[in-house]
Protein backbone atom coordinates (compact mmCIF):
# COMPACT_ATOMS: atom_id res chain seq x y z
CA MET A 1 37.68 -7.49 -1.39
CA GLN A 2 35.66 -10.05 -2.02
CA GLU A 3 33.84 -10.41 -5.85
CA ILE A 4 30.13 -10.99 -6.58
CA THR A 5 28.22 -12.13 -9.12
CA TRP A 6 25.28 -9.80 -10.39
CA ASP A 7 22.97 -12.20 -9.21
CA GLN A 8 24.23 -12.14 -5.79
CA PHE A 9 23.61 -8.45 -5.73
CA GLU A 10 19.96 -8.98 -7.03
CA ALA A 11 19.03 -11.23 -4.18
CA VAL A 12 19.85 -8.64 -1.67
CA ALA A 13 16.96 -6.88 -1.21
CA LEU A 14 17.88 -3.54 -0.76
CA ARG A 15 14.77 -1.10 -0.32
CA VAL A 16 13.52 2.57 0.84
CA GLY A 17 11.70 2.74 3.88
CA LYS A 18 10.37 5.58 5.85
CA ILE A 19 11.65 6.24 9.98
CA VAL A 20 8.10 5.82 11.65
CA GLN A 21 9.16 5.48 15.28
CA VAL A 22 12.61 6.38 17.30
CA ALA A 23 13.18 5.00 21.36
CA ASP A 24 15.97 4.89 22.94
CA PHE A 25 17.44 1.62 23.75
CA PRO A 26 18.83 1.77 27.11
CA ASP A 27 19.77 -2.06 27.30
CA ALA A 28 22.05 -1.93 24.17
CA ARG A 29 26.11 -2.85 24.19
CA LYS A 30 26.82 0.48 22.27
CA PRO A 31 24.61 3.35 22.23
CA ALA A 32 21.66 2.97 19.66
CA TYR A 33 18.24 3.33 19.20
CA LYS A 34 15.05 1.20 18.19
CA ILE A 35 13.85 2.41 15.08
CA THR A 36 10.85 1.11 13.31
CA VAL A 37 10.72 1.98 9.35
CA ASP A 38 7.57 1.73 7.10
CA PHE A 39 8.78 -0.29 3.87
CA GLY A 40 5.25 0.16 2.12
CA PRO A 41 2.42 -1.89 1.52
CA ASP A 42 3.96 -4.83 -0.06
CA ILE A 43 6.61 -5.23 2.33
CA GLY A 44 5.06 -3.87 5.70
CA VAL A 45 6.44 -2.43 9.06
CA ARG A 46 9.83 -3.33 10.40
CA LYS A 47 11.82 -2.81 13.68
CA SER A 48 15.37 -2.92 13.64
CA SER A 49 17.78 -1.26 16.45
CA ALA A 50 20.95 1.03 14.82
CA GLN A 51 23.73 2.81 16.42
CA LEU A 52 22.81 6.35 14.97
CA THR A 53 23.12 8.31 18.09
CA GLN A 54 26.15 9.59 17.40
CA LEU A 55 24.90 11.78 14.61
CA TYR A 56 21.41 11.65 15.01
CA SER A 57 18.79 12.61 17.28
CA LYS A 58 15.33 10.98 17.32
CA ASP A 59 14.12 13.85 16.06
CA ASP A 60 16.46 14.09 12.97
CA LEU A 61 15.67 10.56 12.18
CA LEU A 62 12.10 10.46 12.45
CA GLY A 63 10.23 10.75 8.89
CA ARG A 64 13.38 10.54 6.95
CA GLN A 65 13.87 7.91 4.36
CA ILE A 66 16.29 5.52 4.47
CA LEU A 67 17.99 2.51 2.71
CA GLY A 68 17.46 -0.79 4.20
CA VAL A 69 17.86 -4.66 3.73
CA VAL A 70 14.72 -6.64 4.22
CA ASN A 71 15.55 -9.88 3.24
CA PHE A 72 17.32 -10.62 6.19
CA PRO A 73 16.20 -13.42 8.89
CA PRO A 74 15.46 -11.64 11.95
CA LYS A 75 18.22 -11.80 14.58
CA GLN A 76 17.55 -11.14 18.11
CA ILE A 77 19.61 -8.29 19.93
CA GLY A 78 19.02 -8.24 23.36
CA PRO A 79 15.27 -7.10 23.86
CA VAL A 80 14.75 -6.13 20.01
CA ARG A 81 14.53 -8.51 17.19
CA SER A 82 15.80 -6.91 14.39
CA GLU A 83 13.95 -7.26 11.00
CA CYS A 84 15.44 -5.54 8.33
CA LEU A 85 19.12 -3.49 8.74
CA ILE A 86 19.35 0.01 8.55
CA CYS A 87 22.31 0.97 5.93
CA GLY A 88 25.11 3.36 6.69
CA PHE A 89 28.90 3.79 6.67
CA THR A 90 30.44 3.63 9.99
CA GLN A 91 33.63 6.07 10.14
CA ALA A 92 37.28 5.86 11.79
CA ASP A 93 35.57 7.03 15.19
CA GLY A 94 32.37 4.61 14.86
CA ALA A 95 29.91 7.03 14.21
CA VAL A 96 27.51 6.20 11.33
CA ILE A 97 26.10 8.08 8.50
CA LEU A 98 23.11 7.11 6.57
CA ALA A 99 22.73 6.04 3.21
CA ILE A 100 19.48 7.80 2.12
CA PRO A 101 18.01 8.55 -1.22
CA GLU A 102 19.01 11.68 -2.85
CA ARG A 103 15.12 12.51 -3.46
CA GLU A 104 12.23 11.58 -2.08
CA ALA A 105 11.12 7.58 -3.67
CA PRO A 106 8.61 5.88 -3.09
CA LEU A 107 8.41 3.29 -0.46
CA GLY A 108 9.55 -0.40 -0.81
CA ALA A 109 11.41 0.83 -3.80
CA LYS A 110 14.47 -1.74 -4.60
CA LEU A 111 18.14 -0.41 -5.21
CA GLY A 112 19.32 -1.67 -8.12
C-alpha cells in the first residue's frame, strides 16, 4: 500500500451529500443506477452513476446520506456525466456497501 501525506489526504474533498434522485441505468456495462446527490448550498447538486444494485433498491437509496468525492474532474460514463464519486466498500462478490455518516450530518460537511 502506498503512503500519502496529510496534504494529499486533505486535497480529497470527501463530503456528505443526500441522494435526491435515483433512476435505472440500462445502458451501463454493469448494473448501476443514475444518482443525483445534493451536497448543500456551497457545492450544489451533482450527478453520478453507481453500481449499488446488488444491495440497494432505488427506494433504499432515496433520501439517504452518503459520502462522496466532489473534486474529481467530471467523467463520461456512457450517457452519464459523472460529477462526483459515491464512496463504498466493494465486497469479494462485487457488491458495494455504501460509506455513510453514522448520524445525520450537515450537507457538504467535509470528512477529515
